[in-house]
Amino acid sequence: MATQDITLQYLTTTKIGEKGQLTIPKEFRQDLELGAGAPFAVLRLGNGLILLPEQRRFEDLCNQISETLVAAGIGSEAILAALPEARQRVFARRYSKKLNSDKASPRKTHLSRG
């Protein structure tokens, strides 16, 4: 894979096809190890667009999280121990309104006999 160079570099000019598709030149696809169907994040920056391969974005996010946890002295055991409580909080935040509204207005079920 290409080394991560954070400098801005002009690569090429391309055109949007009839179906809104962009072609990324082969040399750049090979350099970045991008195959057919590779997912991209499309970010708008003012009047420009940034195309960011999703795999790279995910790897960058994982690295940032890992570095933050290591710097804070938090190990995998502490993270695993916190998961059950975190699951409960997410479940309550996501589903508590729905559960409460379902209790307040029970649904009627109609069964047809044939």
N, C-alpha and C. Protein backbone atom coordinates (compact mmCIF):
# COMPACT_ATOMS: atom_id res chain seq x y z
N MET A 1 0.84 -1.18 0.00
CA MET A 1 0.00 0.00 0.00
C MET A 1 0.88 1.23 0.00
N ALA A 2 0.38 2.33 -0.52
CA ALA A 2 1.14 3.56 -0.61
C ALA A 2 1.43 4.09 0.79
N THR A 3 2.59 4.74 0.91
CA THR A 3 2.90 5.34 2.19
C THR A 3 2.00 6.54 2.41
N GLN A 4 1.67 6.80 3.65
CA GLN A 4 0.78 7.92 3.95
C GLN A 4 1.57 9.21 3.90
N ASP A 5 1.33 9.99 2.86
CA ASP A 5 1.95 11.29 2.69
C ASP A 5 0.84 12.31 2.81
N ILE A 6 0.95 13.21 3.76
CA ILE A 6 -0.16 14.13 4.01
C ILE A 6 -0.07 15.40 3.18
N THR A 7 0.87 15.45 2.23
CA THR A 7 0.93 16.62 1.36
C THR A 7 -0.15 16.55 0.31
N LEU A 8 -0.59 17.70 -0.16
CA LEU A 8 -1.59 17.78 -1.22
C LEU A 8 -0.87 17.59 -2.54
N GLN A 9 -1.39 16.73 -3.36
CA GLN A 9 -0.75 16.41 -4.63
C GLN A 9 -1.80 16.38 -5.74
N TYR A 10 -1.54 17.06 -6.83
CA TYR A 10 -2.43 16.98 -7.99
C TYR A 10 -2.16 15.67 -8.68
N LEU A 11 -3.22 14.90 -8.91
CA LEU A 11 -3.04 13.60 -9.53
C LEU A 11 -3.40 13.61 -11.01
N THR A 12 -4.60 13.99 -11.32
CA THR A 12 -5.05 13.94 -12.71
C THR A 12 -6.37 14.67 -12.85
N THR A 13 -6.83 14.79 -14.05
CA THR A 13 -8.15 15.33 -14.34
C THR A 13 -8.98 14.18 -14.90
N THR A 14 -10.24 14.12 -14.52
CA THR A 14 -11.13 13.08 -15.00
C THR A 14 -12.47 13.73 -15.31
N LYS A 15 -13.36 13.00 -15.93
CA LYS A 15 -14.68 13.53 -16.27
C LYS A 15 -15.77 12.65 -15.65
N ILE A 16 -16.91 13.27 -15.41
CA ILE A 16 -18.06 12.53 -14.92
C ILE A 16 -18.76 11.91 -16.13
N GLY A 17 -19.00 10.60 -16.06
CA GLY A 17 -19.67 9.89 -17.14
C GLY A 17 -21.17 10.14 -17.13
N GLU A 18 -21.86 9.55 -18.10
CA GLU A 18 -23.30 9.75 -18.24
C GLU A 18 -24.09 9.34 -17.00
N LYS A 19 -23.63 8.34 -16.29
CA LYS A 19 -24.34 7.86 -15.11
C LYS A 19 -23.76 8.46 -13.82
N GLY A 20 -22.99 9.54 -13.93
CA GLY A 20 -22.43 10.18 -12.75
C GLY A 20 -21.20 9.50 -12.20
N GLN A 21 -20.58 8.62 -12.96
CA GLN A 21 -19.42 7.87 -12.49
C GLN A 21 -18.12 8.60 -12.81
N LEU A 22 -17.17 8.49 -11.90
CA LEU A 22 -15.82 9.02 -12.11
C LEU A 22 -14.87 7.85 -12.33
N THR A 23 -13.89 8.06 -13.18
CA THR A 23 -12.87 7.04 -13.39
C THR A 23 -11.60 7.46 -12.68
N ILE A 24 -11.10 6.59 -11.83
CA ILE A 24 -9.83 6.84 -11.16
C ILE A 24 -8.77 6.08 -11.96
N PRO A 25 -7.73 6.78 -12.43
CA PRO A 25 -6.73 6.12 -13.26
C PRO A 25 -6.13 4.88 -12.60
N LYS A 26 -5.82 3.90 -13.42
CA LYS A 26 -5.34 2.60 -12.97
C LYS A 26 -4.15 2.69 -12.03
N GLU A 27 -3.18 3.56 -12.36
CA GLU A 27 -1.98 3.65 -11.53
C GLU A 27 -2.31 4.05 -10.09
N PHE A 28 -3.31 4.92 -9.91
CA PHE A 28 -3.69 5.36 -8.57
C PHE A 28 -4.50 4.28 -7.85
N ARG A 29 -5.37 3.58 -8.60
CA ARG A 29 -6.11 2.46 -8.00
C ARG A 29 -5.15 1.39 -7.52
N GLN A 30 -4.13 1.09 -8.32
CA GLN A 30 -3.15 0.08 -7.92
C GLN A 30 -2.35 0.55 -6.72
N ASP A 31 -1.91 1.81 -6.74
CA ASP A 31 -1.11 2.35 -5.65
C ASP A 31 -1.86 2.32 -4.33
N LEU A 32 -3.17 2.58 -4.38
CA LEU A 32 -3.98 2.60 -3.17
C LEU A 32 -4.69 1.27 -2.90
N GLU A 33 -4.42 0.27 -3.75
CA GLU A 33 -5.01 -1.06 -3.62
C GLU A 33 -6.54 -0.99 -3.61
N LEU A 34 -7.11 -0.30 -4.60
CA LEU A 34 -8.55 -0.15 -4.70
C LEU A 34 -9.07 -1.04 -5.81
N GLY A 35 -9.96 -1.94 -5.47
CA GLY A 35 -10.56 -2.83 -6.45
C GLY A 35 -11.92 -2.31 -6.88
N ALA A 36 -12.51 -3.00 -7.85
CA ALA A 36 -13.85 -2.64 -8.30
C ALA A 36 -14.82 -2.72 -7.12
N GLY A 37 -15.67 -1.73 -7.00
CA GLY A 37 -16.65 -1.71 -5.92
C GLY A 37 -16.13 -1.19 -4.60
N ALA A 38 -14.88 -0.69 -4.58
CA ALA A 38 -14.33 -0.15 -3.33
C ALA A 38 -15.18 1.03 -2.85
N PRO A 39 -15.62 1.02 -1.59
CA PRO A 39 -16.47 2.11 -1.11
C PRO A 39 -15.66 3.38 -0.84
N PHE A 40 -16.27 4.52 -1.11
CA PHE A 40 -15.65 5.82 -0.90
C PHE A 40 -16.58 6.70 -0.10
N ALA A 41 -16.00 7.51 0.76
CA ALA A 41 -16.73 8.60 1.39
C ALA A 41 -16.55 9.80 0.49
N VAL A 42 -17.61 10.56 0.24
CA VAL A 42 -17.53 11.76 -0.58
C VAL A 42 -17.79 12.93 0.36
N LEU A 43 -16.79 13.78 0.53
CA LEU A 43 -16.89 14.91 1.44
C LEU A 43 -16.88 16.20 0.65
N ARG A 44 -17.71 17.13 1.04
CA ARG A 44 -17.71 18.44 0.38
C ARG A 44 -16.89 19.40 1.22
N LEU A 45 -15.99 20.11 0.56
CA LEU A 45 -15.17 21.12 1.21
C LEU A 45 -15.28 22.38 0.37
N GLY A 46 -16.17 23.28 0.77
CA GLY A 46 -16.41 24.48 -0.03
C GLY A 46 -16.96 24.10 -1.39
N ASN A 47 -16.26 24.53 -2.43
CA ASN A 47 -16.67 24.21 -3.79
C ASN A 47 -16.00 22.94 -4.31
N GLY A 48 -15.32 22.22 -3.44
CA GLY A 48 -14.61 21.02 -3.87
C GLY A 48 -15.15 19.77 -3.22
N LEU A 49 -14.72 18.64 -3.74
CA LEU A 49 -15.08 17.32 -3.20
C LEU A 49 -13.80 16.59 -2.82
N ILE A 50 -13.88 15.84 -1.75
CA ILE A 50 -12.79 14.98 -1.34
C ILE A 50 -13.31 13.56 -1.41
N LEU A 51 -12.61 12.69 -2.12
CA LEU A 51 -12.96 11.27 -2.20
C LEU A 51 -12.00 10.53 -1.28
N LEU A 52 -12.55 9.81 -0.32
CA LEU A 52 -11.74 9.13 0.67
C LEU A 52 -12.12 7.67 0.72
N PRO A 53 -11.19 6.77 0.36
CA PRO A 53 -11.55 5.35 0.44
C PRO A 53 -11.99 4.99 1.85
N GLU A 54 -13.12 4.33 1.97
CA GLU A 54 -13.69 3.99 3.28
C GLU A 54 -12.74 3.15 4.12
N GLN A 55 -12.03 2.22 3.51
CA GLN A 55 -11.10 1.38 4.27
C GLN A 55 -10.05 2.24 4.95
N ARG A 56 -9.52 3.20 4.25
CA ARG A 56 -8.50 4.09 4.83
C ARG A 56 -9.11 4.88 5.97
N ARG A 57 -10.33 5.40 5.76
CA ARG A 57 -11.00 6.18 6.81
C ARG A 57 -11.21 5.33 8.06
N PHE A 58 -11.63 4.07 7.86
CA PHE A 58 -11.86 3.18 8.98
C PHE A 58 -10.55 2.88 9.71
N GLU A 59 -9.49 2.61 8.95
CA GLU A 59 -8.19 2.34 9.56
C GLU A 59 -7.69 3.55 10.33
N ASP A 60 -7.86 4.76 9.76
CA ASP A 60 -7.44 5.98 10.45
C ASP A 60 -8.21 6.15 11.75
N LEU A 61 -9.52 5.91 11.71
CA LEU A 61 -10.34 6.02 12.90
C LEU A 61 -9.89 5.02 13.97
N CYS A 62 -9.64 3.79 13.56
CA CYS A 62 -9.17 2.77 14.51
C CYS A 62 -7.84 3.17 15.13
N ASN A 63 -6.94 3.71 14.33
CA ASN A 63 -5.64 4.15 14.85
C ASN A 63 -5.80 5.29 15.85
N GLN A 64 -6.68 6.24 15.56
CA GLN A 64 -6.91 7.35 16.47
C GLN A 64 -7.48 6.86 17.80
N ILE A 65 -8.44 5.94 17.71
CA ILE A 65 -9.04 5.39 18.93
C ILE A 65 -7.99 4.64 19.74
N SER A 66 -7.21 3.81 19.06
CA SER A 66 -6.18 3.03 19.73
C SER A 66 -5.16 3.94 20.43
N GLU A 67 -4.70 4.96 19.73
CA GLU A 67 -3.73 5.89 20.31
C GLU A 67 -4.30 6.62 21.51
N THR A 68 -5.56 7.01 21.44
CA THR A 68 -6.21 7.70 22.56
C THR A 68 -6.32 6.79 23.77
N LEU A 69 -6.73 5.54 23.54
CA LEU A 69 -6.87 4.60 24.65
C LEU A 69 -5.52 4.27 25.28
N VAL A 70 -4.51 4.06 24.45
CA VAL A 70 -3.17 3.77 24.98
C VAL A 70 -2.65 4.94 25.80
N ALA A 71 -2.84 6.16 25.27
CA ALA A 71 -2.38 7.36 25.98
C ALA A 71 -3.09 7.52 27.32
N ALA A 72 -4.36 7.08 27.39
CA ALA A 72 -5.13 7.18 28.64
C ALA A 72 -4.88 6.00 29.56
N GLY A 73 -4.09 5.03 29.11
CA GLY A 73 -3.79 3.87 29.93
C GLY A 73 -4.94 2.89 30.05
N ILE A 74 -5.83 2.88 29.07
CA ILE A 74 -7.00 1.99 29.10
C ILE A 74 -6.69 0.76 28.25
N GLY A 75 -6.76 -0.41 28.88
CA GLY A 75 -6.47 -1.66 28.18
C GLY A 75 -7.73 -2.36 27.70
N SER A 76 -7.54 -3.43 26.96
CA SER A 76 -8.67 -4.17 26.39
C SER A 76 -9.56 -4.77 27.47
N GLU A 77 -8.98 -5.16 28.61
CA GLU A 77 -9.79 -5.75 29.68
C GLU A 77 -10.81 -4.74 30.21
N ALA A 78 -10.38 -3.49 30.36
CA ALA A 78 -11.28 -2.44 30.86
C ALA A 78 -12.39 -2.17 29.85
N ILE A 79 -12.05 -2.18 28.58
CA ILE A 79 -13.06 -1.95 27.54
C ILE A 79 -14.09 -3.07 27.55
N LEU A 80 -13.62 -4.31 27.60
CA LEU A 80 -14.53 -5.45 27.60
C LEU A 80 -15.42 -5.45 28.84
N ALA A 81 -14.88 -5.05 29.97
CA ALA A 81 -15.66 -5.01 31.21
C ALA A 81 -16.75 -3.94 31.14
N ALA A 82 -16.52 -2.88 30.38
CA ALA A 82 -17.48 -1.78 30.28
C ALA A 82 -18.58 -2.04 29.25
N LEU A 83 -18.43 -3.05 28.41
CA LEU A 83 -19.39 -3.29 27.34
C LEU A 83 -20.82 -3.57 27.81
N PRO A 84 -21.05 -4.43 28.81
CA PRO A 84 -22.44 -4.68 29.21
C PRO A 84 -23.19 -3.41 29.63
N GLU A 85 -22.56 -2.56 30.42
CA GLU A 85 -23.22 -1.31 30.84
C GLU A 85 -23.43 -0.39 29.63
N ALA A 86 -22.45 -0.33 28.74
CA ALA A 86 -22.59 0.52 27.55
C ALA A 86 -23.74 0.01 26.67
N ARG A 87 -23.86 -1.30 26.52
CA ARG A 87 -24.97 -1.86 25.74
C ARG A 87 -26.32 -1.46 26.34
N GLN A 88 -26.43 -1.54 27.67
CA GLN A 88 -27.68 -1.18 28.34
C GLN A 88 -28.02 0.29 28.10
N ARG A 89 -27.01 1.17 28.20
CA ARG A 89 -27.26 2.60 27.98
C ARG A 89 -27.70 2.87 26.55
N VAL A 90 -27.04 2.24 25.58
CA VAL A 90 -27.40 2.43 24.17
C VAL A 90 -28.80 1.90 23.91
N PHE A 91 -29.11 0.73 24.45
CA PHE A 91 -30.44 0.15 24.28
C PHE A 91 -31.51 1.07 24.87
N ALA A 92 -31.27 1.55 26.08
CA ALA A 92 -32.25 2.43 26.73
C ALA A 92 -32.43 3.72 25.94
N ARG A 93 -31.34 4.29 25.48
CA ARG A 93 -31.43 5.54 24.71
C ARG A 93 -32.14 5.31 23.38
N ARG A 94 -31.87 4.19 22.76
CA ARG A 94 -32.41 3.92 21.41
C ARG A 94 -33.86 3.45 21.46
N TYR A 95 -34.20 2.63 22.46
CA TYR A 95 -35.50 1.96 22.44
C TYR A 95 -36.45 2.34 23.57
N SER A 96 -36.04 3.13 24.54
CA SER A 96 -36.92 3.40 25.68
C SER A 96 -38.19 4.13 25.26
N LYS A 97 -38.11 5.10 24.35
CA LYS A 97 -39.31 5.80 23.91
C LYS A 97 -40.26 4.85 23.20
N LYS A 98 -39.74 3.99 22.37
CA LYS A 98 -40.57 3.04 21.64
C LYS A 98 -41.23 2.06 22.61
N LEU A 99 -40.47 1.55 23.58
CA LEU A 99 -41.03 0.61 24.55
C LEU A 99 -42.13 1.27 25.37
N ASN A 100 -41.90 2.52 25.79
CA ASN A 100 -42.90 3.24 26.58
C ASN A 100 -44.16 3.54 25.76
N SER A 101 -44.00 3.88 24.49
CA SER A 101 -45.18 4.18 23.67
C SER A 101 -45.95 2.90 23.35
N ASP A 102 -45.25 1.79 23.21
CA ASP A 102 -45.93 0.51 22.96
C ASP A 102 -46.76 0.10 24.18
N LYS A 103 -46.26 0.38 25.39
CA LYS A 103 -47.00 0.04 26.60
C LYS A 103 -48.23 0.94 26.75
N ALA A 104 -48.09 2.20 26.36
CA ALA A 104 -49.19 3.17 26.51
C ALA A 104 -50.33 2.89 25.53
N SER A 105 -50.01 2.43 24.35
CA SER A 105 -51.06 2.16 23.35
C SER A 105 -50.85 0.77 22.76
N PRO A 106 -51.37 -0.25 23.46
CA PRO A 106 -51.19 -1.61 22.96
C PRO A 106 -51.86 -1.79 21.60
N ARG A 107 -51.22 -2.54 20.77
CA ARG A 107 -51.75 -2.80 19.44
C ARG A 107 -52.79 -3.89 19.48
N LYS A 108 -53.81 -3.71 18.68
CA LYS A 108 -54.84 -4.74 18.57
C LYS A 108 -54.46 -5.67 17.44
N THR A 109 -54.61 -6.91 17.69
CA THR A 109 -54.29 -7.89 16.66
C THR A 109 -55.59 -8.54 16.20
N HIS A 110 -55.80 -8.52 14.92
CA HIS A 110 -56.99 -9.13 14.35
C HIS A 110 -56.61 -10.46 13.72
N LEU A 111 -57.26 -11.48 14.18
CA LEU A 111 -57.01 -12.80 13.61
C LEU A 111 -58.21 -13.20 12.76
N SER A 112 -57.94 -13.64 11.61
CA SER A 112 -59.07 -14.09 10.77
C SER A 112 -59.17 -15.61 10.87
N ARG A 113 -60.38 -16.05 10.95
CA ARG A 113 -60.59 -17.51 11.01
C ARG A 113 -61.08 -17.96 9.67
N GLY A 114 -60.52 -19.00 9.20
CA GLY A 114 -60.89 -19.42 7.87
C GLY A 114 -61.54 -20.74 7.80
